[in-house]
Amino acid sequence: LITSSADTTERFARHIDVKFLQQA
């Protein structure tokens, strides 16, 4: 996940990790 807003994107990364067991 390449982003200019790491904090916001970290929340999404945690979301897909929990929901889909997907490493990001």
mmCIF file of all heavy atoms, coordinates in Angstrom:
data_MODEL
# 
_entry.id   MODEL 
# 
loop_
_atom_site.group_PDB 
_atom_site.id 
_atom_site.type_symbol 
_atom_site.label_atom_id 
_atom_site.label_alt_id 
_atom_site.label_comp_id 
_atom_site.label_asym_id 
_atom_site.label_entity_id 
_atom_site.label_seq_id 
_atom_site.pdbx_PDB_ins_code 
_atom_site.Cartn_x 
_atom_site.Cartn_y 
_atom_site.Cartn_z 
_atom_site.occupancy 
_atom_site.B_iso_or_equiv 
_atom_site.pdbx_formal_charge 
_atom_site.auth_seq_id 
_atom_site.auth_comp_id 
_atom_site.auth_asym_id 
_atom_site.auth_atom_id 
_atom_site.pdbx_PDB_model_num 
ATOM 1   N N   . LEU A 1 1  ? 0.851   -1.186  0.000  1.00 0.00 ? 1  LEU A N   1 
ATOM 2   C CA  . LEU A 1 1  ? 0.000   0.000   0.000  1.00 0.00 ? 1  LEU A CA  1 
ATOM 3   C C   . LEU A 1 1  ? 0.892   1.243   0.000  1.00 0.00 ? 1  LEU A C   1 
ATOM 4   O O   . LEU A 1 1  ? 1.444   1.626   1.029  1.00 0.00 ? 1  LEU A O   1 
ATOM 5   C CB  . LEU A 1 1  ? -0.912  -0.007  1.228  1.00 0.00 ? 1  LEU A CB  1 
ATOM 6   C CG  . LEU A 1 1  ? -1.844  -1.229  1.351  1.00 0.00 ? 1  LEU A CG  1 
ATOM 7   C CD1 . LEU A 1 1  ? -2.520  -1.249  2.710  1.00 0.00 ? 1  LEU A CD1 1 
ATOM 8   C CD2 . LEU A 1 1  ? -2.888  -1.240  0.233  1.00 0.00 ? 1  LEU A CD2 1 
ATOM 9   N N   . ILE A 1 2  ? 1.042   1.856   -1.174 1.00 0.00 ? 2  ILE A N   1 
ATOM 10  C CA  . ILE A 1 2  ? 1.900   3.028   -1.327 1.00 0.00 ? 2  ILE A CA  1 
ATOM 11  C C   . ILE A 1 2  ? 1.032   4.268   -1.166 1.00 0.00 ? 2  ILE A C   1 
ATOM 12  O O   . ILE A 1 2  ? 0.016   4.428   -1.847 1.00 0.00 ? 2  ILE A O   1 
ATOM 13  C CB  . ILE A 1 2  ? 2.612   3.013   -2.687 1.00 0.00 ? 2  ILE A CB  1 
ATOM 14  C CG1 . ILE A 1 2  ? 3.452   1.737   -2.816 1.00 0.00 ? 2  ILE A CG1 1 
ATOM 15  C CG2 . ILE A 1 2  ? 3.489   4.246   -2.864 1.00 0.00 ? 2  ILE A CG2 1 
ATOM 16  C CD1 . ILE A 1 2  ? 4.055   1.515   -4.190 1.00 0.00 ? 2  ILE A CD1 1 
ATOM 17  N N   . THR A 1 3  ? 1.432   5.158   -0.252 1.00 0.00 ? 3  THR A N   1 
ATOM 18  C CA  . THR A 1 3  ? 0.537   6.216   0.180  1.00 0.00 ? 3  THR A CA  1 
ATOM 19  C C   . THR A 1 3  ? 1.299   7.449   0.656  1.00 0.00 ? 3  THR A C   1 
ATOM 20  O O   . THR A 1 3  ? 2.451   7.347   1.075  1.00 0.00 ? 3  THR A O   1 
ATOM 21  C CB  . THR A 1 3  ? -0.355  5.703   1.325  1.00 0.00 ? 3  THR A CB  1 
ATOM 22  O OG1 . THR A 1 3  ? -1.190  6.761   1.805  1.00 0.00 ? 3  THR A OG1 1 
ATOM 23  C CG2 . THR A 1 3  ? 0.487   5.203   2.493  1.00 0.00 ? 3  THR A CG2 1 
ATOM 24  N N   . SER A 1 4  ? 0.629   8.592   0.609  1.00 0.00 ? 4  SER A N   1 
ATOM 25  C CA  . SER A 1 4  ? 1.199   9.815   1.201  1.00 0.00 ? 4  SER A CA  1 
ATOM 26  C C   . SER A 1 4  ? 0.682   10.016  2.618  1.00 0.00 ? 4  SER A C   1 
ATOM 27  O O   . SER A 1 4  ? 1.068   10.963  3.301  1.00 0.00 ? 4  SER A O   1 
ATOM 28  C CB  . SER A 1 4  ? 0.838   11.042  0.347  1.00 0.00 ? 4  SER A CB  1 
ATOM 29  O OG  . SER A 1 4  ? -0.570  11.199  0.272  1.00 0.00 ? 4  SER A OG  1 
ATOM 30  N N   . SER A 1 5  ? -0.201  9.133   3.061  1.00 0.00 ? 5  SER A N   1 
ATOM 31  C CA  . SER A 1 5  ? -0.788  9.242   4.398  1.00 0.00 ? 5  SER A CA  1 
ATOM 32  C C   . SER A 1 5  ? -0.686  7.891   5.108  1.00 0.00 ? 5  SER A C   1 
ATOM 33  O O   . SER A 1 5  ? -1.610  7.071   5.066  1.00 0.00 ? 5  SER A O   1 
ATOM 34  C CB  . SER A 1 5  ? -2.255  9.683   4.297  1.00 0.00 ? 5  SER A CB  1 
ATOM 35  O OG  . SER A 1 5  ? -2.845  9.782   5.566  1.00 0.00 ? 5  SER A OG  1 
ATOM 36  N N   . ALA A 1 6  ? 0.453   7.670   5.762  1.00 0.00 ? 6  ALA A N   1 
ATOM 37  C CA  . ALA A 1 6  ? 0.725   6.353   6.352  1.00 0.00 ? 6  ALA A CA  1 
ATOM 38  C C   . ALA A 1 6  ? -0.260  5.998   7.463  1.00 0.00 ? 6  ALA A C   1 
ATOM 39  O O   . ALA A 1 6  ? -0.700  4.847   7.557  1.00 0.00 ? 6  ALA A O   1 
ATOM 40  C CB  . ALA A 1 6  ? 2.151   6.314   6.886  1.00 0.00 ? 6  ALA A CB  1 
ATOM 41  N N   . ASP A 1 7  ? -0.613  6.964   8.308  1.00 0.00 ? 7  ASP A N   1 
ATOM 42  C CA  . ASP A 1 7  ? -1.502  6.668   9.435  1.00 0.00 ? 7  ASP A CA  1 
ATOM 43  C C   . ASP A 1 7  ? -2.848  6.137   8.962  1.00 0.00 ? 7  ASP A C   1 
ATOM 44  O O   . ASP A 1 7  ? -3.347  5.126   9.461  1.00 0.00 ? 7  ASP A O   1 
ATOM 45  C CB  . ASP A 1 7  ? -1.706  7.920   10.300 1.00 0.00 ? 7  ASP A CB  1 
ATOM 46  C CG  . ASP A 1 7  ? -0.451  8.311   11.062 1.00 0.00 ? 7  ASP A CG  1 
ATOM 47  O OD1 . ASP A 1 7  ? 0.459   7.462   11.163 1.00 0.00 ? 7  ASP A OD1 1 
ATOM 48  O OD2 . ASP A 1 7  ? -0.373  9.459   11.538 1.00 0.00 ? 7  ASP A OD2 1 
ATOM 49  N N   . THR A 1 8  ? -3.442  6.832   7.990  1.00 0.00 ? 8  THR A N   1 
ATOM 50  C CA  . THR A 1 8  ? -4.735  6.410   7.454  1.00 0.00 ? 8  THR A CA  1 
ATOM 51  C C   . THR A 1 8  ? -4.630  5.032   6.810  1.00 0.00 ? 8  THR A C   1 
ATOM 52  O O   . THR A 1 8  ? -5.498  4.174   6.992  1.00 0.00 ? 8  THR A O   1 
ATOM 53  C CB  . THR A 1 8  ? -5.232  7.428   6.407  1.00 0.00 ? 8  THR A CB  1 
ATOM 54  O OG1 . THR A 1 8  ? -5.320  8.710   7.018  1.00 0.00 ? 8  THR A OG1 1 
ATOM 55  C CG2 . THR A 1 8  ? -6.583  7.039   5.844  1.00 0.00 ? 8  THR A CG2 1 
ATOM 56  N N   . THR A 1 9  ? -3.562  4.808   6.081  1.00 0.00 ? 9  THR A N   1 
ATOM 57  C CA  . THR A 1 9  ? -3.404  3.550   5.354  1.00 0.00 ? 9  THR A CA  1 
ATOM 58  C C   . THR A 1 9  ? -3.097  2.395   6.295  1.00 0.00 ? 9  THR A C   1 
ATOM 59  O O   . THR A 1 9  ? -3.487  1.252   6.031  1.00 0.00 ? 9  THR A O   1 
ATOM 60  C CB  . THR A 1 9  ? -2.310  3.692   4.287  1.00 0.00 ? 9  THR A CB  1 
ATOM 61  O OG1 . THR A 1 9  ? -2.589  4.854   3.497  1.00 0.00 ? 9  THR A OG1 1 
ATOM 62  C CG2 . THR A 1 9  ? -2.275  2.484   3.367  1.00 0.00 ? 9  THR A CG2 1 
ATOM 63  N N   . GLU A 1 10 ? -2.411  2.656   7.392  1.00 0.00 ? 10 GLU A N   1 
ATOM 64  C CA  . GLU A 1 10 ? -2.147  1.606   8.386  1.00 0.00 ? 10 GLU A CA  1 
ATOM 65  C C   . GLU A 1 10 ? -3.454  1.036   8.917  1.00 0.00 ? 10 GLU A C   1 
ATOM 66  O O   . GLU A 1 10 ? -3.563  -0.171  9.156  1.00 0.00 ? 10 GLU A O   1 
ATOM 67  C CB  . GLU A 1 10 ? -1.312  2.161   9.545  1.00 0.00 ? 10 GLU A CB  1 
ATOM 68  C CG  . GLU A 1 10 ? 0.160   2.382   9.236  1.00 0.00 ? 10 GLU A CG  1 
ATOM 69  C CD  . GLU A 1 10 ? 0.972   1.097   9.175  1.00 0.00 ? 10 GLU A CD  1 
ATOM 70  O OE1 . GLU A 1 10 ? 0.379   0.005   9.363  1.00 0.00 ? 10 GLU A OE1 1 
ATOM 71  O OE2 . GLU A 1 10 ? 2.182   1.188   8.939  1.00 0.00 ? 10 GLU A OE2 1 
ATOM 72  N N   . ARG A 1 11 ? -4.456  1.891   9.097  1.00 0.00 ? 11 ARG A N   1 
ATOM 73  C CA  . ARG A 1 11 ? -5.763  1.416   9.570  1.00 0.00 ? 11 ARG A CA  1 
ATOM 74  C C   . ARG A 1 11 ? -6.385  0.463   8.559  1.00 0.00 ? 11 ARG A C   1 
ATOM 75  O O   . ARG A 1 11 ? -6.973  -0.558  8.929  1.00 0.00 ? 11 ARG A O   1 
ATOM 76  C CB  . ARG A 1 11 ? -6.694  2.598   9.850  1.00 0.00 ? 11 ARG A CB  1 
ATOM 77  C CG  . ARG A 1 11 ? -6.304  3.402   11.086 1.00 0.00 ? 11 ARG A CG  1 
ATOM 78  C CD  . ARG A 1 11 ? -7.446  4.299   11.548 1.00 0.00 ? 11 ARG A CD  1 
ATOM 79  N NE  . ARG A 1 11 ? -7.686  5.393   10.616 1.00 0.00 ? 11 ARG A NE  1 
ATOM 80  C CZ  . ARG A 1 11 ? -7.050  6.559   10.642 1.00 0.00 ? 11 ARG A CZ  1 
ATOM 81  N NH1 . ARG A 1 11 ? -6.114  6.775   11.565 1.00 0.00 ? 11 ARG A NH1 1 
ATOM 82  N NH2 . ARG A 1 11 ? -7.337  7.506   9.785  1.00 0.00 ? 11 ARG A NH2 1 
ATOM 83  N N   . PHE A 1 12 ? -6.248  0.796   7.271  1.00 0.00 ? 12 PHE A N   1 
ATOM 84  C CA  . PHE A 1 12 ? -6.783  -0.098  6.236  1.00 0.00 ? 12 PHE A CA  1 
ATOM 85  C C   . PHE A 1 12 ? -6.003  -1.404  6.197  1.00 0.00 ? 12 PHE A C   1 
ATOM 86  O O   . PHE A 1 12 ? -6.590  -2.484  6.025  1.00 0.00 ? 12 PHE A O   1 
ATOM 87  C CB  . PHE A 1 12 ? -6.741  0.587   4.871  1.00 0.00 ? 12 PHE A CB  1 
ATOM 88  C CG  . PHE A 1 12 ? -7.241  -0.276  3.755  1.00 0.00 ? 12 PHE A CG  1 
ATOM 89  C CD1 . PHE A 1 12 ? -8.570  -0.681  3.711  1.00 0.00 ? 12 PHE A CD1 1 
ATOM 90  C CD2 . PHE A 1 12 ? -6.387  -0.715  2.745  1.00 0.00 ? 12 PHE A CD2 1 
ATOM 91  C CE1 . PHE A 1 12 ? -9.045  -1.488  2.682  1.00 0.00 ? 12 PHE A CE1 1 
ATOM 92  C CE2 . PHE A 1 12 ? -6.842  -1.519  1.713  1.00 0.00 ? 12 PHE A CE2 1 
ATOM 93  C CZ  . PHE A 1 12 ? -8.174  -1.915  1.685  1.00 0.00 ? 12 PHE A CZ  1 
ATOM 94  N N   . ALA A 1 13 ? -4.693  -1.327  6.364  1.00 0.00 ? 13 ALA A N   1 
ATOM 95  C CA  . ALA A 1 13 ? -3.861  -2.536  6.370  1.00 0.00 ? 13 ALA A CA  1 
ATOM 96  C C   . ALA A 1 13 ? -4.285  -3.472  7.505  1.00 0.00 ? 13 ALA A C   1 
ATOM 97  O O   . ALA A 1 13 ? -4.399  -4.694  7.310  1.00 0.00 ? 13 ALA A O   1 
ATOM 98  C CB  . ALA A 1 13 ? -2.392  -2.161  6.511  1.00 0.00 ? 13 ALA A CB  1 
ATOM 99  N N   . ARG A 1 14 ? -4.550  -2.909  8.666  1.00 0.00 ? 14 ARG A N   1 
ATOM 100 C CA  . ARG A 1 14 ? -4.994  -3.731  9.802  1.00 0.00 ? 14 ARG A CA  1 
ATOM 101 C C   . ARG A 1 14 ? -6.374  -4.327  9.512  1.00 0.00 ? 14 ARG A C   1 
ATOM 102 O O   . ARG A 1 14 ? -6.655  -5.473  9.877  1.00 0.00 ? 14 ARG A O   1 
ATOM 103 C CB  . ARG A 1 14 ? -5.027  -2.887  11.082 1.00 0.00 ? 14 ARG A CB  1 
ATOM 104 C CG  . ARG A 1 14 ? -3.635  -2.521  11.609 1.00 0.00 ? 14 ARG A CG  1 
ATOM 105 C CD  . ARG A 1 14 ? -3.702  -2.035  13.049 1.00 0.00 ? 14 ARG A CD  1 
ATOM 106 N NE  . ARG A 1 14 ? -4.471  -0.801  13.170 1.00 0.00 ? 14 ARG A NE  1 
ATOM 107 C CZ  . ARG A 1 14 ? -3.952  0.419   13.057 1.00 0.00 ? 14 ARG A CZ  1 
ATOM 108 N NH1 . ARG A 1 14 ? -2.660  0.572   12.806 1.00 0.00 ? 14 ARG A NH1 1 
ATOM 109 N NH2 . ARG A 1 14 ? -4.717  1.487   13.194 1.00 0.00 ? 14 ARG A NH2 1 
ATOM 110 N N   . HIS A 1 15 ? -7.216  -3.534  8.844  1.00 0.00 ? 15 HIS A N   1 
ATOM 111 C CA  . HIS A 1 15 ? -8.574  -3.997  8.519  1.00 0.00 ? 15 HIS A CA  1 
ATOM 112 C C   . HIS A 1 15 ? -8.533  -5.238  7.621  1.00 0.00 ? 15 HIS A C   1 
ATOM 113 O O   . HIS A 1 15 ? -9.219  -6.234  7.903  1.00 0.00 ? 15 HIS A O   1 
ATOM 114 C CB  . HIS A 1 15 ? -9.335  -2.856  7.824  1.00 0.00 ? 15 HIS A CB  1 
ATOM 115 C CG  . HIS A 1 15 ? -10.609 -3.286  7.161  1.00 0.00 ? 15 HIS A CG  1 
ATOM 116 N ND1 . HIS A 1 15 ? -11.743 -3.635  7.870  1.00 0.00 ? 15 HIS A ND1 1 
ATOM 117 C CD2 . HIS A 1 15 ? -10.924 -3.432  5.834  1.00 0.00 ? 15 HIS A CD2 1 
ATOM 118 C CE1 . HIS A 1 15 ? -12.695 -3.974  7.018  1.00 0.00 ? 15 HIS A CE1 1 
ATOM 119 N NE2 . HIS A 1 15 ? -12.228 -3.865  5.790  1.00 0.00 ? 15 HIS A NE2 1 
ATOM 120 N N   . ILE A 1 16 ? -7.740  -5.208  6.549  1.00 0.00 ? 16 ILE A N   1 
ATOM 121 C CA  . ILE A 1 16 ? -7.717  -6.372  5.649  1.00 0.00 ? 16 ILE A CA  1 
ATOM 122 C C   . ILE A 1 16 ? -6.979  -7.546  6.281  1.00 0.00 ? 16 ILE A C   1 
ATOM 123 O O   . ILE A 1 16 ? -7.245  -8.707  5.947  1.00 0.00 ? 16 ILE A O   1 
ATOM 124 C CB  . ILE A 1 16 ? -7.146  -6.026  4.255  1.00 0.00 ? 16 ILE A CB  1 
ATOM 125 C CG1 . ILE A 1 16 ? -5.715  -5.496  4.341  1.00 0.00 ? 16 ILE A CG1 1 
ATOM 126 C CG2 . ILE A 1 16 ? -8.052  -5.044  3.531  1.00 0.00 ? 16 ILE A CG2 1 
ATOM 127 C CD1 . ILE A 1 16 ? -5.068  -5.297  2.967  1.00 0.00 ? 16 ILE A CD1 1 
ATOM 128 N N   . ASP A 1 17 ? -6.076  -7.261  7.208  1.00 0.00 ? 17 ASP A N   1 
ATOM 129 C CA  . ASP A 1 17 ? -5.393  -8.343  7.926  1.00 0.00 ? 17 ASP A CA  1 
ATOM 130 C C   . ASP A 1 17 ? -6.394  -9.107  8.781  1.00 0.00 ? 17 ASP A C   1 
ATOM 131 O O   . ASP A 1 17 ? -6.430  -10.344 8.777  1.00 0.00 ? 17 ASP A O   1 
ATOM 132 C CB  . ASP A 1 17 ? -4.276  -7.755  8.788  1.00 0.00 ? 17 ASP A CB  1 
ATOM 133 C CG  . ASP A 1 17 ? -3.488  -8.826  9.519  1.00 0.00 ? 17 ASP A CG  1 
ATOM 134 O OD1 . ASP A 1 17 ? -3.545  -10.005 9.113  1.00 0.00 ? 17 ASP A OD1 1 
ATOM 135 O OD2 . ASP A 1 17 ? -2.807  -8.491  10.505 1.00 0.00 ? 17 ASP A OD2 1 
ATOM 136 N N   . VAL A 1 18 ? -7.244  -8.356  9.499  1.00 0.00 ? 18 VAL A N   1 
ATOM 137 C CA  . VAL A 1 18 ? -8.235  -8.983  10.379 1.00 0.00 ? 18 VAL A CA  1 
ATOM 138 C C   . VAL A 1 18 ? -9.343  -9.650  9.567  1.00 0.00 ? 18 VAL A C   1 
ATOM 139 O O   . VAL A 1 18 ? -9.736  -10.787 9.841  1.00 0.00 ? 18 VAL A O   1 
ATOM 140 C CB  . VAL A 1 18 ? -8.829  -7.927  11.342 1.00 0.00 ? 18 VAL A CB  1 
ATOM 141 C CG1 . VAL A 1 18 ? -10.013 -8.508  12.113 1.00 0.00 ? 18 VAL A CG1 1 
ATOM 142 C CG2 . VAL A 1 18 ? -7.763  -7.426  12.312 1.00 0.00 ? 18 VAL A CG2 1 
ATOM 143 N N   . LYS A 1 19 ? -9.841  -8.948  8.536  1.00 0.00 ? 19 LYS A N   1 
ATOM 144 C CA  . LYS A 1 19 ? -11.003 -9.444  7.787  1.00 0.00 ? 19 LYS A CA  1 
ATOM 145 C C   . LYS A 1 19 ? -10.655 -10.565 6.823  1.00 0.00 ? 19 LYS A C   1 
ATOM 146 O O   . LYS A 1 19 ? -11.425 -11.524 6.676  1.00 0.00 ? 19 LYS A O   1 
ATOM 147 C CB  . LYS A 1 19 ? -11.644 -8.273  7.025  1.00 0.00 ? 19 LYS A CB  1 
ATOM 148 C CG  . LYS A 1 19 ? -12.955 -8.636  6.349  1.00 0.00 ? 19 LYS A CG  1 
ATOM 149 C CD  . LYS A 1 19 ? -13.636 -7.402  5.764  1.00 0.00 ? 19 LYS A CD  1 
ATOM 150 C CE  . LYS A 1 19 ? -14.961 -7.751  5.110  1.00 0.00 ? 19 LYS A CE  1 
ATOM 151 N NZ  . LYS A 1 19 ? -15.647 -6.546  4.559  1.00 0.00 ? 19 LYS A NZ  1 
ATOM 152 N N   . PHE A 1 20 ? -9.487  -10.469 6.181  1.00 0.00 ? 20 PHE A N   1 
ATOM 153 C CA  . PHE A 1 20 ? -9.149  -11.434 5.131  1.00 0.00 ? 20 PHE A CA  1 
ATOM 154 C C   . PHE A 1 20 ? -7.866  -12.225 5.423  1.00 0.00 ? 20 PHE A C   1 
ATOM 155 O O   . PHE A 1 20 ? -7.449  -13.022 4.586  1.00 0.00 ? 20 PHE A O   1 
ATOM 156 C CB  . PHE A 1 20 ? -8.973  -10.707 3.788  1.00 0.00 ? 20 PHE A CB  1 
ATOM 157 C CG  . PHE A 1 20 ? -10.213 -10.013 3.306  1.00 0.00 ? 20 PHE A CG  1 
ATOM 158 C CD1 . PHE A 1 20 ? -10.348 -8.640  3.434  1.00 0.00 ? 20 PHE A CD1 1 
ATOM 159 C CD2 . PHE A 1 20 ? -11.246 -10.731 2.718  1.00 0.00 ? 20 PHE A CD2 1 
ATOM 160 C CE1 . PHE A 1 20 ? -11.479 -7.987  2.975  1.00 0.00 ? 20 PHE A CE1 1 
ATOM 161 C CE2 . PHE A 1 20 ? -12.388 -10.092 2.258  1.00 0.00 ? 20 PHE A CE2 1 
ATOM 162 C CZ  . PHE A 1 20 ? -12.511 -8.716  2.394  1.00 0.00 ? 20 PHE A CZ  1 
ATOM 163 N N   . LEU A 1 21 ? -7.248  -11.985 6.572  1.00 0.00 ? 21 LEU A N   1 
ATOM 164 C CA  . LEU A 1 21 ? -5.957  -12.601 6.907  1.00 0.00 ? 21 LEU A CA  1 
ATOM 165 C C   . LEU A 1 21 ? -4.934  -12.334 5.802  1.00 0.00 ? 21 LEU A C   1 
ATOM 166 O O   . LEU A 1 21 ? -4.161  -13.208 5.409  1.00 0.00 ? 21 LEU A O   1 
ATOM 167 C CB  . LEU A 1 21 ? -6.119  -14.112 7.121  1.00 0.00 ? 21 LEU A CB  1 
ATOM 168 C CG  . LEU A 1 21 ? -7.110  -14.520 8.223  1.00 0.00 ? 21 LEU A CG  1 
ATOM 169 C CD1 . LEU A 1 21 ? -7.211  -16.037 8.310  1.00 0.00 ? 21 LEU A CD1 1 
ATOM 170 C CD2 . LEU A 1 21 ? -6.705  -13.921 9.568  1.00 0.00 ? 21 LEU A CD2 1 
ATOM 171 N N   . GLN A 1 22 ? -4.959  -11.113 5.285  1.00 0.00 ? 22 GLN A N   1 
ATOM 172 C CA  . GLN A 1 22 ? -4.084  -10.711 4.188  1.00 0.00 ? 22 GLN A CA  1 
ATOM 173 C C   . GLN A 1 22 ? -2.963  -9.819  4.696  1.00 0.00 ? 22 GLN A C   1 
ATOM 174 O O   . GLN A 1 22 ? -3.208  -8.775  5.296  1.00 0.00 ? 22 GLN A O   1 
ATOM 175 C CB  . GLN A 1 22 ? -4.879  -9.963  3.121  1.00 0.00 ? 22 GLN A CB  1 
ATOM 176 C CG  . GLN A 1 22 ? -4.033  -9.335  2.022  1.00 0.00 ? 22 GLN A CG  1 
ATOM 177 C CD  . GLN A 1 22 ? -3.252  -10.361 1.215  1.00 0.00 ? 22 GLN A CD  1 
ATOM 178 O OE1 . GLN A 1 22 ? -3.828  -11.233 0.575  1.00 0.00 ? 22 GLN A OE1 1 
ATOM 179 N NE2 . GLN A 1 22 ? -1.937  -10.261 1.241  1.00 0.00 ? 22 GLN A NE2 1 
ATOM 180 N N   . GLN A 1 23 ? -1.741  -10.221 4.446  1.00 0.00 ? 23 GLN A N   1 
ATOM 181 C CA  . GLN A 1 23 ? -0.587  -9.436  4.861  1.00 0.00 ? 23 GLN A CA  1 
ATOM 182 C C   . GLN A 1 23 ? -0.457  -8.203  3.970  1.00 0.00 ? 23 GLN A C   1 
ATOM 183 O O   . GLN A 1 23 ? -0.561  -8.281  2.746  1.00 0.00 ? 23 GLN A O   1 
ATOM 184 C CB  . GLN A 1 23 ? 0.687   -10.259 4.783  1.00 0.00 ? 23 GLN A CB  1 
ATOM 185 C CG  . GLN A 1 23 ? 1.921   -9.547  5.328  1.00 0.00 ? 23 GLN A CG  1 
ATOM 186 C CD  . GLN A 1 23 ? 3.169   -10.404 5.214  1.00 0.00 ? 23 GLN A CD  1 
ATOM 187 O OE1 . GLN A 1 23 ? 3.154   -11.446 4.567  1.00 0.00 ? 23 GLN A OE1 1 
ATOM 188 N NE2 . GLN A 1 23 ? 4.244   -9.959  5.825  1.00 0.00 ? 23 GLN A NE2 1 
ATOM 189 N N   . ALA A 1 24 ? -0.221  -7.050  4.578  1.00 0.00 ? 24 ALA A N   1 
ATOM 190 C CA  . ALA A 1 24 ? -0.066  -5.810  3.826  1.00 0.00 ? 24 ALA A CA  1 
ATOM 191 C C   . ALA A 1 24 ? 1.095   -5.010  4.408  1.00 0.00 ? 24 ALA A C   1 
ATOM 192 O O   . ALA A 1 24 ? 1.360   -5.052  5.609  1.00 0.00 ? 24 ALA A O   1 
ATOM 193 C CB  . ALA A 1 24 ? -1.346  -4.983  3.878  1.00 0.00 ? 24 ALA A CB  1 
# 
